[in-house]
Amino acid sequence: MSEAKRVARSVLDQLKAVTTVVADTGDFEAMKKYKPTDATTNPSLILAASNMPAYQSLIDDAISWAKKKGGSEAEQLSNAMDKVCINFGCKILENIPGRVSTEVDARLSFDKEGMVKRAMQLIQLYKDAGISKERILIKLSSTWEGIQAARELESKYGIHCNMTLIFNFYQAIACGDAGATLISPFVGRILDWFVKNTDQKTFEPLEDPGVVSVTNIYKYYKKFGYKTVVMGASFRNTGQIQGLAGCDLLTISPALLEKLSQSTEQLEVQLDQDKAASSDLAKVAVDEKVFRWQMNQDEMANDKLAEGIRKFAVDAVKLENVLRQRLVK
């Protein structure tokens, strides 16, 4: 074997040197294998994991805890939903050095007060389990109401927020202005929309509309000194991931982590903080009127935000149904 072969690093290892890699999964075994810094979950991921035999004890514990707390069936179900998310989060934190994102129910996406209340309940449950809020990111839908909930949680309670379902530049600016800890622009879902709704079906990585969107947001944040960090999410292929090498964080599914770990091609850094800070960009003011108008004018962002909320809500209901069946036993 040649020396070059011996020292070749995988694309995943090269990526980890310039970007914080986050596991987009609820599967602990995948985390042990790929060793990400952080992890993120949502109802869809927890629902998938809840059907795996290895994780039944986490479901059983949540059911037992909710029954002991008592209350109406609806209250027990709500408590079981919160506890199962906490159980998965705590287990995930045993396998990573960083933070886990735990999502507030998408059905609260247009209820600022409801999101704040649920976020504080989740943080309290983590505290009861011995987990500091510094290791938790509360995941909120990036509606106007969700962004204002993040503003309150961050400024009044020091609770860190991960703003999900980002599809629009002005959406991202509003999140940064609110002081959110992190945003998650959905690269793959942006591509999905363009493939479905335009004549162009394939894109080179750096011309991919999702990659371009995240690149523009990253440059703007670094140019104007936002503390909010950018975590590209929802990837369809490794080209999108490599097109965002150098981004603050990238959250990647196990299947794509495996592909990155198997490749030893040279990774080129695409996003650089210093270069972004010197870019020629103008400051943009975003209030509620600007936000709502710009979202209305962006057909892709409007479609994908609404669709994303609906899909997360559907999976939340499916997870509730799994828990309801066990609560009545």
C-alpha atoms as a PDB file:
ATOM      1  CA  MET A   1       0.000   0.000   0.000  1.00  0.00           C
ATOM      2  CA  SER A   2       1.384   3.430  -0.948  1.00  0.00           C
ATOM      3  CA  GLU A   3       2.052   6.173   1.577  1.00  0.00           C
ATOM      4  CA  ALA A   4      -0.655   8.302  -0.074  1.00  0.00           C
ATOM      5  CA  LYS A   5      -3.193   5.550   0.453  1.00  0.00           C
ATOM      6  CA  ARG A   6      -2.075   5.102   4.043  1.00  0.00           C
ATOM      7  CA  VAL A   7      -2.537   8.748   5.064  1.00  0.00           C
ATOM      8  CA  ALA A   8      -5.656   9.543   2.993  1.00  0.00           C
ATOM      9  CA  ARG A   9      -8.399  10.987   5.176  1.00  0.00           C
ATOM     10  CA  SER A  10     -12.056  10.447   4.532  1.00  0.00           C
ATOM     11  CA  VAL A  11     -14.180  13.350   3.361  1.00  0.00           C
ATOM     12  CA  LEU A  12     -16.029  13.073   6.685  1.00  0.00           C
ATOM     13  CA  ASP A  13     -12.818  13.545   8.663  1.00  0.00           C
ATOM     14  CA  GLN A  14     -11.816  16.463   6.439  1.00  0.00           C
ATOM     15  CA  LEU A  15     -15.261  17.988   6.919  1.00  0.00           C
ATOM     16  CA  LYS A  16     -15.036  17.656  10.705  1.00  0.00           C
ATOM     17  CA  ALA A  17     -11.841  19.740  10.595  1.00  0.00           C
ATOM     18  CA  VAL A  18     -13.678  22.774   9.158  1.00  0.00           C
ATOM     19  CA  THR A  19     -17.325  22.275  10.194  1.00  0.00           C
ATOM     20  CA  THR A  20     -19.127  20.951  13.263  1.00  0.00           C
ATOM     21  CA  VAL A  21     -20.851  17.748  12.130  1.00  0.00           C
ATOM     22  CA  VAL A  22     -24.260  17.012  13.637  1.00  0.00           C
ATOM     23  CA  ALA A  23     -26.067  13.663  13.403  1.00  0.00           C
ATOM     24  CA  ASP A  24     -29.554  14.019  11.940  1.00  0.00           C
ATOM     25  CA  THR A  25     -30.918  10.885  13.582  1.00  0.00           C
ATOM     26  CA  GLY A  26     -32.440   9.407  16.701  1.00  0.00           C
ATOM     27  CA  ASP A  27     -30.377   6.224  16.278  1.00  0.00           C
ATOM     28  CA  PHE A  28     -27.717   6.027  19.005  1.00  0.00           C
ATOM     29  CA  GLU A  29     -25.730   3.351  17.206  1.00  0.00           C
ATOM     30  CA  ALA A  30     -25.240   5.691  14.254  1.00  0.00           C
ATOM     31  CA  MET A  31     -23.931   8.341  16.642  1.00  0.00           C
ATOM     32  CA  LYS A  32     -21.428   5.932  18.146  1.00  0.00           C
ATOM     33  CA  LYS A  33     -20.223   4.982  14.676  1.00  0.00           C
ATOM     34  CA  TYR A  34     -19.802   8.434  13.124  1.00  0.00           C
ATOM     35  CA  LYS A  35     -18.944  10.418  16.282  1.00  0.00           C
ATOM     36  CA  PRO A  36     -20.709  13.726  15.571  1.00  0.00           C
ATOM     37  CA  THR A  37     -20.326  16.684  17.939  1.00  0.00           C
ATOM     38  CA  ASP A  38     -24.057  17.427  18.230  1.00  0.00           C
ATOM     39  CA  ALA A  39     -27.328  15.699  17.360  1.00  0.00           C
ATOM     40  CA  THR A  40     -30.757  16.877  16.332  1.00  0.00           C
ATOM     41  CA  THR A  41     -34.138  15.186  16.573  1.00  0.00           C
ATOM     42  CA  ASN A  42     -37.694  15.848  15.484  1.00  0.00           C
ATOM     43  CA  PRO A  43     -40.966  13.899  15.814  1.00  0.00           C
ATOM     44  CA  SER A  44     -40.265  12.070  12.541  1.00  0.00           C
ATOM     45  CA  LEU A  45     -36.901  10.774  13.774  1.00  0.00           C
ATOM     46  CA  ILE A  46     -38.224   9.825  17.212  1.00  0.00           C
ATOM     47  CA  LEU A  47     -41.202   8.083  15.606  1.00  0.00           C
ATOM     48  CA  ALA A  48     -38.851   6.012  13.461  1.00  0.00           C
ATOM     49  CA  ALA A  49     -36.645   5.159  16.431  1.00  0.00           C
ATOM     50  CA  SER A  50     -39.676   4.311  18.597  1.00  0.00           C
ATOM     51  CA  ASN A  51     -40.412   1.383  16.300  1.00  0.00           C
ATOM     52  CA  MET A  52     -36.972  -0.146  16.864  1.00  0.00           C
ATOM     53  CA  PRO A  53     -36.800  -2.850  19.567  1.00  0.00           C
ATOM     54  CA  ALA A  54     -33.608  -1.358  21.028  1.00  0.00           C
ATOM     55  CA  TYR A  55     -35.456   1.777  22.166  1.00  0.00           C
ATOM     56  CA  GLN A  56     -38.608   0.322  23.708  1.00  0.00           C
ATOM     57  CA  SER A  57     -37.332   0.923  27.244  1.00  0.00           C
ATOM     58  CA  LEU A  58     -37.339   4.676  26.579  1.00  0.00           C
ATOM     59  CA  ILE A  59     -40.967   4.508  25.472  1.00  0.00           C
ATOM     60  CA  ASP A  60     -41.935   2.325  28.437  1.00  0.00           C
ATOM     61  CA  ASP A  61     -40.281   4.733  30.876  1.00  0.00           C
ATOM     62  CA  ALA A  62     -42.158   7.707  29.394  1.00  0.00           C
ATOM     63  CA  ILE A  63     -45.483   5.862  29.680  1.00  0.00           C
ATOM     64  CA  SER A  64     -44.794   4.835  33.278  1.00  0.00           C
ATOM     65  CA  TRP A  65     -43.776   8.385  34.223  1.00  0.00           C
ATOM     66  CA  ALA A  66     -46.881   9.927  32.621  1.00  0.00           C
ATOM     67  CA  LYS A  67     -49.180   7.459  34.375  1.00  0.00           C
ATOM     68  CA  LYS A  68     -47.614   8.242  37.739  1.00  0.00           C
ATOM     69  CA  LYS A  69     -48.159  11.970  37.194  1.00  0.00           C
ATOM     70  CA  GLY A  70     -51.832  11.238  36.580  1.00  0.00           C
ATOM     71  CA  GLY A  71     -54.384  13.690  35.264  1.00  0.00           C
ATOM     72  CA  SER A  72     -56.732  13.340  32.328  1.00  0.00           C
ATOM     73  CA  GLU A  73     -55.903  11.144  29.348  1.00  0.00           C
ATOM     74  CA  ALA A  74     -54.969  14.263  27.363  1.00  0.00           C
ATOM     75  CA  GLU A  75     -52.637  15.448  30.140  1.00  0.00           C
ATOM     76  CA  GLN A  76     -51.017  12.029  30.429  1.00  0.00           C
ATOM     77  CA  LEU A  77     -50.522  11.889  26.682  1.00  0.00           C
ATOM     78  CA  SER A  78     -48.948  15.362  26.626  1.00  0.00           C
ATOM     79  CA  ASN A  79     -46.648  14.402  29.494  1.00  0.00           C
ATOM     80  CA  ALA A  80     -45.687  11.143  27.781  1.00  0.00           C
ATOM     81  CA  MET A  81     -44.847  13.043  24.563  1.00  0.00           C
ATOM     82  CA  ASP A  82     -42.581  15.443  26.444  1.00  0.00           C
ATOM     83  CA  LYS A  83     -40.934  12.673  28.450  1.00  0.00           C
ATOM     84  CA  VAL A  84     -40.188  10.473  25.445  1.00  0.00           C
ATOM     85  CA  CYS A  85     -38.452  13.414  23.774  1.00  0.00           C
ATOM     86  CA  ILE A  86     -36.422  14.002  26.942  1.00  0.00           C
ATOM     87  CA  ASN A  87     -35.555  10.317  27.251  1.00  0.00           C
ATOM     88  CA  PHE A  88     -34.211  10.258  23.705  1.00  0.00           C
ATOM     89  CA  GLY A  89     -32.381  13.531  24.275  1.00  0.00           C
ATOM     90  CA  CYS A  90     -30.714  12.288  27.465  1.00  0.00           C
ATOM     91  CA  LYS A  91     -29.669   9.036  25.791  1.00  0.00           C
ATOM     92  CA  ILE A  92     -28.283  10.952  22.818  1.00  0.00           C
ATOM     93  CA  LEU A  93     -26.227  13.163  25.136  1.00  0.00           C
ATOM     94  CA  GLU A  94     -24.511  10.053  26.490  1.00  0.00           C
ATOM     95  CA  ASN A  95     -23.102   9.518  22.995  1.00  0.00           C
ATOM     96  CA  ILE A  96     -22.048  13.017  21.943  1.00  0.00           C
ATOM     97  CA  PRO A  97     -19.872  15.732  23.517  1.00  0.00           C
ATOM     98  CA  GLY A  98     -22.068  18.641  22.433  1.00  0.00           C
ATOM     99  CA  ARG A  99     -25.740  19.559  22.376  1.00  0.00           C
ATOM    100  CA  VAL A 100     -29.005  17.936  21.361  1.00  0.00           C
ATOM    101  CA  SER A 101     -31.923  19.733  19.726  1.00  0.00           C
ATOM    102  CA  THR A 102     -35.382  18.935  21.076  1.00  0.00           C
ATOM    103  CA  GLU A 103     -38.383  20.138  19.117  1.00  0.00           C
ATOM    104  CA  VAL A 104     -41.456  21.957  20.379  1.00  0.00           C
ATOM    105  CA  ASP A 105     -44.665  20.484  18.953  1.00  0.00           C
ATOM    106  CA  ALA A 106     -45.156  21.873  15.418  1.00  0.00           C
ATOM    107  CA  ARG A 107     -48.872  22.323  16.168  1.00  0.00           C
ATOM    108  CA  LEU A 108     -47.838  25.296  18.312  1.00  0.00           C
ATOM    109  CA  SER A 109     -46.057  26.991  15.395  1.00  0.00           C
ATOM    110  CA  PHE A 110     -48.382  30.019  15.404  1.00  0.00           C
ATOM    111  CA  ASP A 111     -48.746  30.265  19.195  1.00  0.00           C
ATOM    112  CA  LYS A 112     -45.889  32.282  20.676  1.00  0.00           C
ATOM    113  CA  GLU A 113     -46.980  31.852  24.295  1.00  0.00           C
ATOM    114  CA  GLY A 114     -47.618  28.143  23.765  1.00  0.00           C
ATOM    115  CA  MET A 115     -44.127  27.648  22.360  1.00  0.00           C
ATOM    116  CA  VAL A 116     -42.495  29.519  25.248  1.00  0.00           C
ATOM    117  CA  LYS A 117     -44.455  27.484  27.805  1.00  0.00           C
ATOM    118  CA  ARG A 118     -43.638  24.137  26.153  1.00  0.00           C
ATOM    119  CA  ALA A 119     -39.966  25.053  25.791  1.00  0.00           C
ATOM    120  CA  MET A 120     -39.706  25.868  29.473  1.00  0.00           C
ATOM    121  CA  GLN A 121     -41.410  22.568  30.363  1.00  0.00           C
ATOM    122  CA  LEU A 122     -38.860  20.672  28.266  1.00  0.00           C
ATOM    123  CA  ILE A 123     -35.939  22.504  29.853  1.00  0.00           C
ATOM    124  CA  GLN A 124     -37.325  21.731  33.325  1.00  0.00           C
ATOM    125  CA  LEU A 125     -37.606  18.033  32.459  1.00  0.00           C
ATOM    126  CA  TYR A 126     -33.995  18.039  31.303  1.00  0.00           C
ATOM    127  CA  LYS A 127     -33.015  19.785  34.530  1.00  0.00           C
ATOM    128  CA  ASP A 128     -34.881  17.125  36.542  1.00  0.00           C
ATOM    129  CA  ALA A 129     -32.831  14.541  34.640  1.00  0.00           C
ATOM    130  CA  GLY A 130     -29.607  16.314  35.599  1.00  0.00           C
ATOM    131  CA  ILE A 131     -28.996  17.933  32.180  1.00  0.00           C
ATOM    132  CA  SER A 132     -27.992  21.601  32.005  1.00  0.00           C
ATOM    133  CA  LYS A 133     -29.864  23.860  29.581  1.00  0.00           C
ATOM    134  CA  GLU A 134     -26.451  24.677  28.063  1.00  0.00           C
ATOM    135  CA  ARG A 135     -26.517  21.252  26.394  1.00  0.00           C
ATOM    136  CA  ILE A 136     -29.998  21.731  24.939  1.00  0.00           C
ATOM    137  CA  LEU A 137     -31.251  23.564  21.865  1.00  0.00           C
ATOM    138  CA  ILE A 138     -34.998  24.093  21.771  1.00  0.00           C
ATOM    139  CA  LYS A 139     -36.169  23.638  18.203  1.00  0.00           C
ATOM    140  CA  LEU A 140     -38.860  26.036  16.964  1.00  0.00           C
ATOM    141  CA  SER A 141     -40.612  26.518  13.620  1.00  0.00           C
ATOM    142  CA  SER A 142     -39.419  29.747  11.981  1.00  0.00           C
ATOM    143  CA  THR A 143     -42.818  31.420  11.711  1.00  0.00           C
ATOM    144  CA  TRP A 144     -42.991  35.031  12.901  1.00  0.00           C
ATOM    145  CA  GLU A 145     -44.485  33.719  16.165  1.00  0.00           C
ATOM    146  CA  GLY A 146     -41.736  31.132  16.529  1.00  0.00           C
ATOM    147  CA  ILE A 147     -39.067  33.769  16.027  1.00  0.00           C
ATOM    148  CA  GLN A 148     -40.618  35.982  18.710  1.00  0.00           C
ATOM    149  CA  ALA A 149     -40.799  32.983  21.049  1.00  0.00           C
ATOM    150  CA  ALA A 150     -37.068  32.475  20.484  1.00  0.00           C
ATOM    151  CA  ARG A 151     -36.415  36.152  21.236  1.00  0.00           C
ATOM    152  CA  GLU A 152     -38.135  35.772  24.621  1.00  0.00           C
ATOM    153  CA  LEU A 153     -36.558  32.423  25.470  1.00  0.00           C
ATOM    154  CA  GLU A 154     -33.057  33.630  24.626  1.00  0.00           C
ATOM    155  CA  SER A 155     -33.246  37.103  26.229  1.00  0.00           C
ATOM    156  CA  LYS A 156     -35.369  36.402  29.335  1.00  0.00           C
ATOM    157  CA  TYR A 157     -34.488  32.824  30.209  1.00  0.00           C
ATOM    158  CA  GLY A 158     -31.132  32.094  28.582  1.00  0.00           C
ATOM    159  CA  ILE A 159     -32.663  29.139  26.725  1.00  0.00           C
ATOM    160  CA  HIS A 160     -30.860  28.413  23.454  1.00  0.00           C
ATOM    161  CA  CYS A 161     -32.987  27.989  20.341  1.00  0.00           C
ATOM    162  CA  ASN A 162     -32.561  26.162  17.043  1.00  0.00           C
ATOM    163  CA  MET A 163     -34.785  27.762  14.406  1.00  0.00           C
ATOM    164  CA  THR A 164     -35.912  25.089  11.981  1.00  0.00           C
ATOM    165  CA  LEU A 165     -37.656  25.166   8.589  1.00  0.00           C
ATOM    166  CA  ILE A 166     -35.601  28.069   7.223  1.00  0.00           C
ATOM    167  CA  PHE A 167     -36.133  28.594   3.486  1.00  0.00           C
ATOM    168  CA  ASN A 168     -35.865  32.347   3.016  1.00  0.00           C
ATOM    169  CA  PHE A 169     -33.178  35.014   3.407  1.00  0.00           C
ATOM    170  CA  TYR A 170     -35.448  37.409   5.320  1.00  0.00           C
ATOM    171  CA  GLN A 171     -36.588  34.577   7.557  1.00  0.00           C
ATOM    172  CA  ALA A 172     -32.939  33.998   8.487  1.00  0.00           C
ATOM    173  CA  ILE A 173     -32.305  37.696   9.139  1.00  0.00           C
ATOM    174  CA  ALA A 174     -35.319  37.865  11.465  1.00  0.00           C
ATOM    175  CA  CYS A 175     -33.947  34.877  13.416  1.00  0.00           C
ATOM    176  CA  GLY A 176     -30.544  36.537  13.716  1.00  0.00           C
ATOM    177  CA  ASP A 177     -32.113  39.818  14.827  1.00  0.00           C
ATOM    178  CA  ALA A 178     -34.042  37.898  17.513  1.00  0.00           C
ATOM    179  CA  GLY A 179     -30.786  36.512  18.921  1.00  0.00           C
ATOM    180  CA  ALA A 180     -31.485  32.847  18.174  1.00  0.00           C
ATOM    181  CA  THR A 181     -28.501  30.622  18.920  1.00  0.00           C
ATOM    182  CA  LEU A 182     -28.745  28.644  15.667  1.00  0.00           C
ATOM    183  CA  ILE A 183     -30.717  28.405  12.440  1.00  0.00           C
ATOM    184  CA  SER A 184     -31.308  25.308  10.280  1.00  0.00           C
ATOM    185  CA  PRO A 185     -31.786  26.183   6.591  1.00  0.00           C
ATOM    186  CA  PHE A 186     -33.230  23.161   4.732  1.00  0.00           C
ATOM    187  CA  VAL A 187     -31.009  22.647   1.707  1.00  0.00           C
ATOM    188  CA  GLY A 188     -32.606  19.505   0.282  1.00  0.00           C
ATOM    189  CA  ARG A 189     -36.184  20.683   0.588  1.00  0.00           C
ATOM    190  CA  ILE A 190     -35.306  23.861  -1.329  1.00  0.00           C
ATOM    191  CA  LEU A 191     -33.849  21.693  -4.095  1.00  0.00           C
ATOM    192  CA  ASP A 192     -36.954  19.472  -4.039  1.00  0.00           C
ATOM    193  CA  TRP A 193     -39.170  22.475  -4.744  1.00  0.00           C
ATOM    194  CA  PHE A 194     -37.082  23.696  -7.675  1.00  0.00           C
ATOM    195  CA  VAL A 195     -36.888  20.225  -9.219  1.00  0.00           C
ATOM    196  CA  LYS A 196     -40.666  19.876  -8.945  1.00  0.00           C
ATOM    197  CA  ASN A 197     -41.635  23.388 -10.024  1.00  0.00           C
ATOM    198  CA  THR A 198     -39.068  24.443 -12.634  1.00  0.00           C
ATOM    199  CA  ASP A 199     -37.694  23.016 -15.858  1.00  0.00           C
ATOM    200  CA  GLN A 200     -34.221  22.474 -14.411  1.00  0.00           C
ATOM    201  CA  LYS A 201     -33.914  19.072 -12.736  1.00  0.00           C
ATOM    202  CA  THR A 202     -30.187  18.828 -11.972  1.00  0.00           C
ATOM    203  CA  PHE A 203     -27.740  21.332 -10.496  1.00  0.00           C
ATOM    204  CA  GLU A 204     -24.010  21.464  -9.920  1.00  0.00           C
ATOM    205  CA  PRO A 205     -23.300  21.562  -6.153  1.00  0.00           C
ATOM    206  CA  LEU A 206     -22.353  25.262  -6.006  1.00  0.00           C
ATOM    207  CA  GLU A 207     -25.359  26.186  -8.179  1.00  0.00           C
ATOM    208  CA  ASP A 208     -27.815  24.085  -6.166  1.00  0.00           C
ATOM    209  CA  PRO A 209     -30.533  26.529  -4.974  1.00  0.00           C
ATOM    210  CA  GLY A 210     -30.360  25.170  -1.433  1.00  0.00           C
ATOM    211  CA  VAL A 211     -26.583  25.555  -1.310  1.00  0.00           C
ATOM    212  CA  VAL A 212     -26.842  29.089  -2.744  1.00  0.00           C
ATOM    213  CA  SER A 213     -29.459  30.019  -0.118  1.00  0.00           C
ATOM    214  CA  VAL A 214     -27.317  28.851   2.816  1.00  0.00           C
ATOM    215  CA  THR A 215     -24.205  30.471   1.331  1.00  0.00           C
ATOM    216  CA  ASN A 216     -25.958  33.848   1.119  1.00  0.00           C
ATOM    217  CA  ILE A 217     -27.235  33.586   4.690  1.00  0.00           C
ATOM    218  CA  TYR A 218     -23.794  32.569   5.983  1.00  0.00           C
ATOM    219  CA  LYS A 219     -22.110  35.506   4.229  1.00  0.00           C
ATOM    220  CA  TYR A 220     -24.675  37.970   5.593  1.00  0.00           C
ATOM    221  CA  TYR A 221     -24.336  36.714   9.155  1.00  0.00           C
ATOM    222  CA  LYS A 222     -20.538  36.922   9.092  1.00  0.00           C
ATOM    223  CA  LYS A 223     -20.535  40.304   7.326  1.00  0.00           C
ATOM    224  CA  PHE A 224     -22.682  41.909  10.027  1.00  0.00           C
ATOM    225  CA  GLY A 225     -21.378  40.042  13.049  1.00  0.00           C
ATOM    226  CA  TYR A 226     -24.405  37.980  14.002  1.00  0.00           C
ATOM    227  CA  LYS A 227     -23.813  35.590  16.894  1.00  0.00           C
ATOM    228  CA  THR A 228     -26.408  33.207  15.456  1.00  0.00           C
ATOM    229  CA  VAL A 229     -24.709  30.268  13.751  1.00  0.00           C
ATOM    230  CA  VAL A 230     -25.793  28.509  10.564  1.00  0.00           C
ATOM    231  CA  MET A 231     -26.462  24.755  10.421  1.00  0.00           C
ATOM    232  CA  GLY A 232     -27.232  23.470   6.937  1.00  0.00           C
ATOM    233  CA  ALA A 233     -29.807  20.663   7.080  1.00  0.00           C
ATOM    234  CA  SER A 234     -31.939  18.311   4.974  1.00  0.00           C
ATOM    235  CA  PHE A 235     -29.351  17.123   2.448  1.00  0.00           C
ATOM    236  CA  ARG A 236     -30.171  15.009  -0.586  1.00  0.00           C
ATOM    237  CA  ASN A 237     -26.613  14.176  -1.656  1.00  0.00           C
ATOM    238  CA  THR A 238     -22.979  14.564  -0.622  1.00  0.00           C
ATOM    239  CA  GLY A 239     -22.406  17.251  -3.255  1.00  0.00           C
ATOM    240  CA  GLN A 240     -24.669  19.615  -1.312  1.00  0.00           C
ATOM    241  CA  ILE A 241     -22.706  18.891   1.858  1.00  0.00           C
ATOM    242  CA  GLN A 242     -19.345  19.443   0.190  1.00  0.00           C
ATOM    243  CA  GLY A 243     -20.702  22.644  -1.367  1.00  0.00           C
ATOM    244  CA  LEU A 244     -21.154  24.005   2.167  1.00  0.00           C
ATOM    245  CA  ALA A 245     -17.830  22.836   3.649  1.00  0.00           C
ATOM    246  CA  GLY A 246     -16.788  25.472   6.167  1.00  0.00           C
ATOM    247  CA  CYS A 247     -20.345  26.286   7.288  1.00  0.00           C
ATOM    248  CA  ASP A 248     -20.663  26.619  11.079  1.00  0.00           C
ATOM    249  CA  LEU A 249     -22.501  23.294  11.377  1.00  0.00           C
ATOM    250  CA  LEU A 250     -24.029  20.702   9.044  1.00  0.00           C
ATOM    251  CA  THR A 251     -26.586  18.141  10.225  1.00  0.00           C
ATOM    252  CA  ILE A 252     -26.283  14.946   8.198  1.00  0.00           C
ATOM    253  CA  SER A 253     -28.224  11.671   8.006  1.00  0.00           C
ATOM    254  CA  PRO A 254     -26.469   8.340   8.724  1.00  0.00           C
ATOM    255  CA  ALA A 255     -26.718   7.294   5.062  1.00  0.00           C
ATOM    256  CA  LEU A 256     -24.837  10.388   3.897  1.00  0.00           C
ATOM    257  CA  LEU A 257     -22.384  10.191   6.805  1.00  0.00           C
ATOM    258  CA  GLU A 258     -21.556   6.688   5.598  1.00  0.00           C
ATOM    259  CA  LYS A 259     -20.917   7.909   2.043  1.00  0.00           C
ATOM    260  CA  LEU A 260     -18.677  10.712   3.312  1.00  0.00           C
ATOM    261  CA  SER A 261     -16.748   8.275   5.488  1.00  0.00           C
ATOM    262  CA  GLN A 262     -16.117   5.990   2.503  1.00  0.00           C
ATOM    263  CA  SER A 263     -14.762   8.698   0.179  1.00  0.00           C
ATOM    264  CA  THR A 264     -11.176  10.000   0.310  1.00  0.00           C
ATOM    265  CA  GLU A 265     -11.383  12.704  -2.357  1.00  0.00           C
ATOM    266  CA  GLN A 266      -9.949  16.102  -1.494  1.00  0.00           C
ATOM    267  CA  LEU A 267     -12.467  18.390   0.215  1.00  0.00           C
ATOM    268  CA  GLU A 268     -12.408  22.047  -0.781  1.00  0.00           C
ATOM    269  CA  VAL A 269     -13.538  24.605   1.806  1.00  0.00           C
ATOM    270  CA  GLN A 270     -16.305  26.730   0.281  1.00  0.00           C
ATOM    271  CA  LEU A 271     -17.385  28.984   3.154  1.00  0.00           C
ATOM    272  CA  ASP A 272     -14.841  31.109   4.970  1.00  0.00           C
ATOM    273  CA  GLN A 273     -15.697  33.523   7.791  1.00  0.00           C
ATOM    274  CA  ASP A 274     -13.044  36.118   6.908  1.00  0.00           C
ATOM    275  CA  LYS A 275     -13.955  36.165   3.222  1.00  0.00           C
ATOM    276  CA  ALA A 276     -17.640  36.417   4.084  1.00  0.00           C
ATOM    277  CA  ALA A 277     -16.989  39.312   6.461  1.00  0.00           C
ATOM    278  CA  SER A 278     -15.348  41.298   3.644  1.00  0.00           C
ATOM    279  CA  SER A 279     -18.137  40.620   1.113  1.00  0.00           C
ATOM    280  CA  ASP A 280     -20.084  43.475  -0.469  1.00  0.00           C
ATOM    281  CA  LEU A 281     -23.492  43.163   1.197  1.00  0.00           C
ATOM    282  CA  ALA A 282     -25.998  45.775   2.379  1.00  0.00           C
ATOM    283  CA  LYS A 283     -27.756  45.636   5.761  1.00  0.00           C
ATOM    284  CA  VAL A 284     -31.437  44.743   5.629  1.00  0.00           C
ATOM    285  CA  ALA A 285     -34.081  45.809   8.152  1.00  0.00           C
ATOM    286  CA  VAL A 286     -36.731  43.145   8.825  1.00  0.00           C
ATOM    287  CA  ASP A 287     -39.828  43.833  10.912  1.00  0.00           C
ATOM    288  CA  GLU A 288     -43.061  41.853  10.971  1.00  0.00           C
ATOM    289  CA  LYS A 289     -44.482  43.579   7.883  1.00  0.00           C
ATOM    290  CA  VAL A 290     -41.318  43.008   5.868  1.00  0.00           C
ATOM    291  CA  PHE A 291     -41.110  39.393   7.062  1.00  0.00           C
ATOM    292  CA  ARG A 292     -44.670  38.526   6.130  1.00  0.00           C
ATOM    293  CA  TRP A 293     -44.463  40.291   2.757  1.00  0.00           C
ATOM    294  CA  GLN A 294     -41.170  38.672   1.784  1.00  0.00           C
ATOM    295  CA  MET A 295     -42.433  35.230   2.785  1.00  0.00           C
ATOM    296  CA  ASN A 296     -45.618  35.846   0.789  1.00  0.00           C
ATOM    297  CA  GLN A 297     -43.571  36.805  -2.272  1.00  0.00           C
ATOM    298  CA  ASP A 298     -41.315  33.750  -2.013  1.00  0.00           C
ATOM    299  CA  GLU A 299     -43.484  30.930  -3.332  1.00  0.00           C
ATOM    300  CA  MET A 300     -40.908  28.253  -2.511  1.00  0.00           C
ATOM    301  CA  ALA A 301     -40.382  29.400   1.082  1.00  0.00           C
ATOM    302  CA  ASN A 302     -44.092  29.861   1.700  1.00  0.00           C
ATOM    303  CA  ASP A 303     -44.869  26.386   0.329  1.00  0.00           C
ATOM    304  CA  LYS A 304     -42.057  24.574   2.131  1.00  0.00           C
ATOM    305  CA  LEU A 305     -42.585  26.232   5.523  1.00  0.00           C
ATOM    306  CA  ALA A 306     -46.272  25.317   5.505  1.00  0.00           C
ATOM    307  CA  GLU A 307     -45.538  21.798   4.246  1.00  0.00           C
ATOM    308  CA  GLY A 308     -42.791  21.279   6.832  1.00  0.00           C
ATOM    309  CA  ILE A 309     -45.058  22.284   9.710  1.00  0.00           C
ATOM    310  CA  ARG A 310     -47.815  19.988   8.418  1.00  0.00           C
ATOM    311  CA  LYS A 311     -45.442  17.023   8.071  1.00  0.00           C
ATOM    312  CA  PHE A 312     -43.954  17.447  11.546  1.00  0.00           C
ATOM    313  CA  ALA A 313     -47.488  17.774  12.953  1.00  0.00           C
ATOM    314  CA  VAL A 314     -48.592  14.563  11.198  1.00  0.00           C
ATOM    315  CA  ASP A 315     -45.660  12.651  12.684  1.00  0.00           C
ATOM    316  CA  ALA A 316     -46.360  14.148  16.114  1.00  0.00           C
ATOM    317  CA  VAL A 317     -49.909  12.758  15.876  1.00  0.00           C
ATOM    318  CA  LYS A 318     -48.547   9.359  14.805  1.00  0.00           C
ATOM    319  CA  LEU A 319     -46.190   9.341  17.789  1.00  0.00           C
ATOM    320  CA  GLU A 320     -49.078  10.330  20.054  1.00  0.00           C
ATOM    321  CA  ASN A 321     -51.087   7.388  18.734  1.00  0.00           C
ATOM    322  CA  VAL A 322     -48.223   5.009  19.546  1.00  0.00           C
ATOM    323  CA  LEU A 323     -48.071   6.386  23.084  1.00  0.00           C
ATOM    324  CA  ARG A 324     -51.883   6.454  23.503  1.00  0.00           C
ATOM    325  CA  GLN A 325     -52.113   2.727  22.763  1.00  0.00           C
ATOM    326  CA  ARG A 326     -49.597   2.029  25.515  1.00  0.00           C
ATOM    327  CA  LEU A 327     -51.191   4.424  27.997  1.00  0.00           C
ATOM    328  CA  VAL A 328     -54.519   2.568  27.901  1.00  0.00           C
ATOM    329  CA  LYS A 329     -52.961  -0.855  28.487  1.00  0.00           C
END
